[in-house]
Amino acid sequence: MASSVRKVSLLPRDIGSLSRTVPPGLPGTLHVLGANGGMSVAPDADFTLLFGRNEPDVHVSVGAGDTRVSRRQGLIVRESSRWVLYNTGGPPIRFPGSRLVLGGDHARLNAGFTPLFVVSSRQEHLLEVRITASTQGRPANAPGAYEEETRNEARELTPEERLVLVCLAQRYLRLEPGPQPLAWAQVAFELAELQPQRQWSPKAAAHVVAKVRKRLSKEYGVAGLLEEEVPQPVGNALNHNLITDLLITTTIVRSDLRLLGE
């Protein structure tokens, strides 16, 4: 037991997103981060990591205060040289995109960064996972070998663009159910509160975002960012597609809400 404990360490809540922060660890080390901090587990620690809303009974808290999330929502355990996620609770756990791990089901976790979402009817709760990738040793196709570390696909944004986009996408970053981009008038109002010297207007905020959409369409080939690429009526589709790309590529993450004073 003592040797196992030495191979398990805590992650502070202010460490920042695991999409940008790579904690130290041997290849295969598991890092899991919730809203109140997290834990790192070495691959040979013989340790089962529990997560859920009832903080005293789990190692990593997720969905605290949301009674729709199970007290012990799930666990991550090492099996045959791979980390495996088990959903032991009621609500499903969503991988990026639409893949769901339902209660009683399990899924393998790949090396690199993976955001997981515990889905309740109230909102989605983020659980960040990073597995330190192997960079040498066994060939990539060897049994138990890790996939290449997740590529960094984050888009380049100026500080001003990031601020406007985080404001526009704040409902998504807060994991509200069925989120939509913030209205331009509300974006301008909040930006003016943060930067009164800038004299933000709805048109100015929309212009910043339109430039980002055009640049990402041209430089990165992101589809669905131009008006001619989506069916009428366009509505919020262009900005929704933009925000989705920024979230999937971890260009903006929950910790960016600090730019809004949160």
Protein backbone atom coordinates (compact mmCIF):
# COMPACT_ATOMS: atom_id res chain seq x y z
CA MET A 1 0.00 0.00 0.00
CA ALA A 2 2.79 2.43 0.85
CA SER A 3 4.48 2.02 -2.52
CA SER A 4 1.13 2.73 -4.24
CA VAL A 5 0.57 5.92 -2.28
CA ARG A 6 3.93 7.34 -3.32
CA LYS A 7 2.89 7.01 -6.95
CA VAL A 8 -0.29 9.04 -6.49
CA SER A 9 -0.24 12.83 -6.13
CA LEU A 10 -2.74 15.69 -6.00
CA LEU A 11 -3.25 18.35 -8.66
CA PRO A 12 -4.15 21.82 -7.35
CA ARG A 13 -7.35 23.43 -8.61
CA ASP A 14 -5.37 26.41 -9.97
CA ILE A 15 -3.10 24.30 -12.18
CA GLY A 16 -4.97 25.44 -15.30
CA SER A 17 -6.54 23.36 -18.03
CA LEU A 18 -4.84 20.04 -18.82
CA SER A 19 -5.26 20.95 -22.48
CA ARG A 20 -2.43 23.44 -21.99
CA THR A 21 -0.70 22.17 -18.86
CA VAL A 22 1.22 18.88 -18.97
CA PRO A 23 2.00 17.76 -15.40
CA PRO A 24 5.22 15.80 -14.92
CA GLY A 25 4.96 12.04 -15.08
CA LEU A 26 6.29 8.88 -16.65
CA PRO A 27 4.74 7.68 -19.92
CA GLY A 28 1.32 6.29 -19.14
CA THR A 29 0.72 8.52 -16.12
CA LEU A 30 -2.95 9.42 -15.68
CA HIS A 31 -3.91 13.01 -14.80
CA VAL A 32 -7.55 13.82 -13.98
CA LEU A 33 -8.82 17.30 -13.13
CA GLY A 34 -12.20 18.45 -11.86
CA ALA A 35 -13.51 21.80 -10.69
CA ASN A 36 -11.87 21.47 -7.27
CA GLY A 37 -8.54 19.96 -8.28
CA GLY A 38 -7.46 16.53 -9.35
CA MET A 39 -5.00 13.69 -9.11
CA SER A 40 -2.08 12.11 -10.96
CA VAL A 41 -1.61 8.33 -10.93
CA ALA A 42 1.49 6.50 -12.14
CA PRO A 43 0.85 3.58 -14.52
CA ASP A 44 2.19 1.04 -12.02
CA ALA A 45 0.44 2.47 -8.95
CA ASP A 46 -2.25 -0.27 -8.78
CA PHE A 47 -4.76 2.47 -7.99
CA THR A 48 -8.39 2.92 -9.04
CA LEU A 49 -9.38 6.58 -9.41
CA LEU A 50 -12.98 7.38 -8.44
CA PHE A 51 -14.88 10.48 -9.54
CA GLY A 52 -18.35 11.83 -8.83
CA ARG A 53 -20.29 14.57 -7.07
CA ASN A 54 -19.85 13.37 -3.46
CA GLU A 55 -16.38 14.73 -2.79
CA PRO A 56 -15.67 12.82 0.47
CA ASP A 57 -16.24 9.49 -1.29
CA VAL A 58 -14.25 10.11 -4.50
CA HIS A 59 -10.77 11.21 -5.50
CA VAL A 60 -11.87 13.84 -8.05
CA SER A 61 -15.06 15.87 -7.69
CA VAL A 62 -17.29 16.51 -10.70
CA GLY A 63 -20.82 17.87 -10.73
CA ALA A 64 -20.85 18.89 -7.07
CA GLY A 65 -24.23 20.37 -6.23
CA ASP A 66 -26.00 18.69 -9.17
CA THR A 67 -28.02 15.83 -7.70
CA ARG A 68 -28.52 14.38 -11.19
CA VAL A 69 -24.83 13.41 -11.19
CA SER A 70 -24.16 10.20 -9.27
CA ARG A 71 -22.29 10.30 -5.98
CA ARG A 72 -19.81 7.87 -7.54
CA GLN A 73 -20.22 8.60 -11.21
CA GLY A 74 -17.35 6.52 -12.52
CA LEU A 75 -13.84 5.23 -12.19
CA ILE A 76 -10.65 4.94 -14.21
CA VAL A 77 -8.49 1.86 -13.78
CA ARG A 78 -5.40 0.40 -15.43
CA GLU A 79 -6.09 -2.76 -17.45
CA SER A 80 -3.67 -4.53 -19.81
CA SER A 81 -1.37 -1.51 -20.13
CA ARG A 82 -4.29 0.82 -20.90
CA TRP A 83 -6.39 3.21 -18.82
CA VAL A 84 -10.09 2.34 -19.01
CA LEU A 85 -13.04 4.56 -18.08
CA TYR A 86 -16.05 2.91 -16.41
CA ASN A 87 -19.38 4.69 -16.03
CA THR A 88 -20.74 3.32 -12.76
CA GLY A 89 -23.38 6.05 -12.36
CA GLY A 90 -26.67 7.01 -13.94
CA PRO A 91 -25.98 9.87 -16.37
CA PRO A 92 -23.97 9.18 -19.54
CA ILE A 93 -20.41 10.40 -19.99
CA ARG A 94 -19.74 12.12 -23.30
CA PHE A 95 -16.47 12.09 -25.20
CA PRO A 96 -15.70 15.06 -27.51
CA GLY A 97 -18.30 14.95 -30.25
CA SER A 98 -21.34 12.76 -29.64
CA ARG A 99 -19.92 9.44 -28.39
CA LEU A 100 -21.61 8.46 -25.11
CA VAL A 101 -20.50 5.98 -22.46
CA LEU A 102 -23.73 4.90 -20.81
CA GLY A 103 -24.17 3.66 -17.26
CA GLY A 104 -22.60 0.22 -16.88
CA ASP A 105 -20.47 0.68 -20.01
CA HIS A 106 -16.74 1.39 -20.37
CA ALA A 107 -14.28 2.83 -22.88
CA ARG A 108 -10.53 2.93 -23.37
CA LEU A 109 -8.74 6.24 -22.97
CA ASN A 110 -6.08 7.32 -25.45
CA ALA A 111 -2.83 9.08 -24.70
CA GLY A 112 -2.95 12.86 -24.75
CA PHE A 113 -5.71 15.20 -23.65
CA THR A 114 -9.37 14.12 -23.53
CA PRO A 115 -12.17 16.32 -22.16
CA LEU A 116 -15.01 14.22 -20.76
CA PHE A 117 -18.49 15.54 -19.96
CA VAL A 118 -20.89 14.09 -17.40
CA VAL A 119 -24.28 14.82 -18.97
CA SER A 120 -27.19 15.73 -16.71
CA SER A 121 -30.45 17.39 -17.65
CA ARG A 122 -29.28 20.51 -15.85
CA GLN A 123 -25.89 20.94 -17.55
CA GLU A 124 -22.73 19.12 -18.63
CA HIS A 125 -19.89 18.85 -16.13
CA LEU A 126 -16.32 18.83 -17.41
CA LEU A 127 -13.76 16.24 -16.29
CA GLU A 128 -10.34 16.76 -17.89
CA VAL A 129 -8.12 13.76 -18.53
CA ARG A 130 -4.55 13.69 -19.78
CA ILE A 131 -2.43 10.57 -20.21
CA THR A 132 1.27 11.17 -20.65
CA ALA A 133 2.25 9.68 -24.00
CA SER A 134 5.18 7.42 -24.68
CA THR A 135 7.76 9.07 -26.93
CA GLN A 136 10.20 6.20 -27.25
CA GLY A 137 10.58 2.48 -26.74
CA ARG A 138 8.04 0.17 -28.33
CA PRO A 139 6.84 0.75 -31.88
CA ALA A 140 3.48 2.42 -32.22
CA ASN A 141 1.73 -0.81 -33.26
CA ALA A 142 3.14 -2.92 -30.41
CA PRO A 143 0.62 -4.37 -27.94
CA GLY A 144 -0.07 -1.87 -25.19
CA ALA A 145 1.82 0.92 -26.94
CA TYR A 146 0.34 4.39 -26.70
CA GLU A 147 -0.93 6.44 -29.56
CA GLU A 148 0.97 9.56 -30.44
CA GLU A 149 0.29 12.47 -28.10
CA THR A 150 -2.76 14.46 -29.18
CA ARG A 151 -1.65 17.09 -31.66
CA ASN A 152 -1.93 20.70 -30.68
CA GLU A 153 -4.60 22.03 -33.05
CA ALA A 154 -5.33 25.24 -31.16
CA ARG A 155 -6.00 28.21 -33.42
CA GLU A 156 -3.97 31.38 -33.03
CA LEU A 157 -5.93 34.27 -31.55
CA THR A 158 -4.94 37.76 -30.54
CA PRO A 159 -5.75 38.76 -26.93
CA GLU A 160 -8.62 40.94 -28.19
CA GLU A 161 -10.05 38.13 -30.32
CA ARG A 162 -9.83 35.71 -27.40
CA LEU A 163 -11.67 38.11 -25.10
CA VAL A 164 -14.50 38.68 -27.59
CA LEU A 165 -14.84 34.99 -28.40
CA VAL A 166 -14.85 33.91 -24.75
CA CYS A 167 -17.57 36.46 -24.10
CA LEU A 168 -19.55 35.20 -27.12
CA ALA A 169 -19.07 31.54 -26.12
CA GLN A 170 -19.48 31.84 -22.36
CA ARG A 171 -22.65 29.71 -22.25
CA TYR A 172 -20.71 26.87 -23.90
CA LEU A 173 -17.77 27.29 -21.54
CA ARG A 174 -20.13 27.15 -18.56
CA LEU A 175 -21.49 23.88 -20.00
CA GLU A 176 -25.09 25.11 -20.05
CA PRO A 177 -27.55 22.72 -21.73
CA GLY A 178 -28.30 23.59 -25.37
CA PRO A 179 -25.99 26.61 -25.40
CA GLN A 180 -26.23 29.39 -27.99
CA PRO A 181 -23.85 32.29 -28.71
CA LEU A 182 -24.51 35.38 -26.64
CA ALA A 183 -26.46 38.15 -28.41
CA TRP A 184 -24.28 40.90 -29.87
CA ALA A 185 -25.89 43.56 -27.68
CA GLN A 186 -25.04 41.54 -24.55
CA VAL A 187 -21.50 40.88 -25.81
CA ALA A 188 -20.97 44.60 -26.37
CA PHE A 189 -22.41 45.45 -22.95
CA GLU A 190 -20.14 43.02 -21.10
CA LEU A 191 -17.05 44.05 -23.09
CA ALA A 192 -17.79 47.70 -22.35
CA GLU A 193 -17.93 46.84 -18.65
CA LEU A 194 -14.53 45.17 -18.91
CA GLN A 195 -12.94 47.74 -21.24
CA PRO A 196 -14.81 51.06 -20.96
CA GLN A 197 -12.01 52.88 -22.81
CA ARG A 198 -12.56 50.69 -25.92
CA GLN A 199 -16.15 51.88 -26.57
CA TRP A 200 -17.44 48.50 -27.65
CA SER A 201 -20.56 48.29 -29.81
CA PRO A 202 -22.44 45.25 -31.16
CA LYS A 203 -21.08 46.03 -34.64
CA ALA A 204 -17.48 46.23 -33.38
CA ALA A 205 -17.74 42.88 -31.58
CA ALA A 206 -19.34 41.23 -34.62
CA HIS A 207 -16.56 42.59 -36.85
CA VAL A 208 -13.87 40.97 -34.68
CA VAL A 209 -15.63 37.60 -34.84
CA ALA A 210 -16.28 37.83 -38.58
CA LYS A 211 -12.55 38.34 -39.18
CA VAL A 212 -11.74 35.23 -37.14
CA ARG A 213 -14.29 33.15 -39.06
CA LYS A 214 -12.83 34.22 -42.40
CA ARG A 215 -9.26 33.56 -41.24
CA LEU A 216 -10.02 30.10 -39.86
CA SER A 217 -11.90 29.20 -43.03
CA LYS A 218 -8.98 30.26 -45.21
CA GLU A 219 -5.95 29.21 -43.14
CA TYR A 220 -7.29 26.10 -41.39
CA GLY A 221 -9.98 24.97 -43.82
CA VAL A 222 -12.69 24.97 -41.15
CA ALA A 223 -16.06 24.37 -42.78
CA GLY A 224 -19.33 26.10 -41.95
CA LEU A 225 -17.88 29.50 -41.09
CA LEU A 226 -18.96 31.38 -44.22
CA GLU A 227 -22.53 32.36 -45.08
CA GLU A 228 -22.45 30.57 -48.43
CA GLU A 229 -21.56 27.31 -46.65
CA VAL A 230 -24.69 27.01 -44.48
CA PRO A 231 -28.38 26.80 -45.47
CA GLN A 232 -30.74 29.71 -44.96
CA PRO A 233 -31.80 31.03 -42.54
CA VAL A 234 -28.29 31.39 -41.16
CA GLY A 235 -29.26 32.50 -37.66
CA ASN A 236 -26.55 31.59 -35.13
CA ALA A 237 -25.12 28.77 -37.27
CA LEU A 238 -21.89 30.55 -38.26
CA ASN A 239 -20.97 31.52 -34.72
CA HIS A 240 -22.09 28.15 -33.35
CA ASN A 241 -19.83 26.38 -35.85
CA LEU A 242 -16.96 28.70 -34.93
CA ILE A 243 -17.38 28.14 -31.20
CA THR A 244 -17.61 24.37 -31.72
CA ASP A 245 -14.29 24.38 -33.60
CA LEU A 246 -12.63 26.51 -30.91
CA LEU A 247 -13.84 24.14 -28.20
CA ILE A 248 -12.85 20.94 -30.01
CA THR A 249 -9.37 22.28 -30.74
CA THR A 250 -9.10 23.59 -27.13
CA THR A 251 -8.42 27.07 -28.49
CA ILE A 252 -10.71 28.32 -25.74
CA VAL A 253 -11.24 26.41 -22.49
CA ARG A 254 -13.24 26.86 -19.30
CA SER A 255 -10.38 28.57 -17.49
CA ASP A 256 -10.61 31.39 -20.07
CA LEU A 257 -13.74 32.57 -18.25
CA ARG A 258 -11.30 34.37 -15.96
CA LEU A 259 -11.01 36.95 -18.76
CA LEU A 260 -14.60 37.90 -17.90
CA GLY A 261 -13.73 38.28 -14.24
CA GLU A 262 -14.96 34.81 -13.21
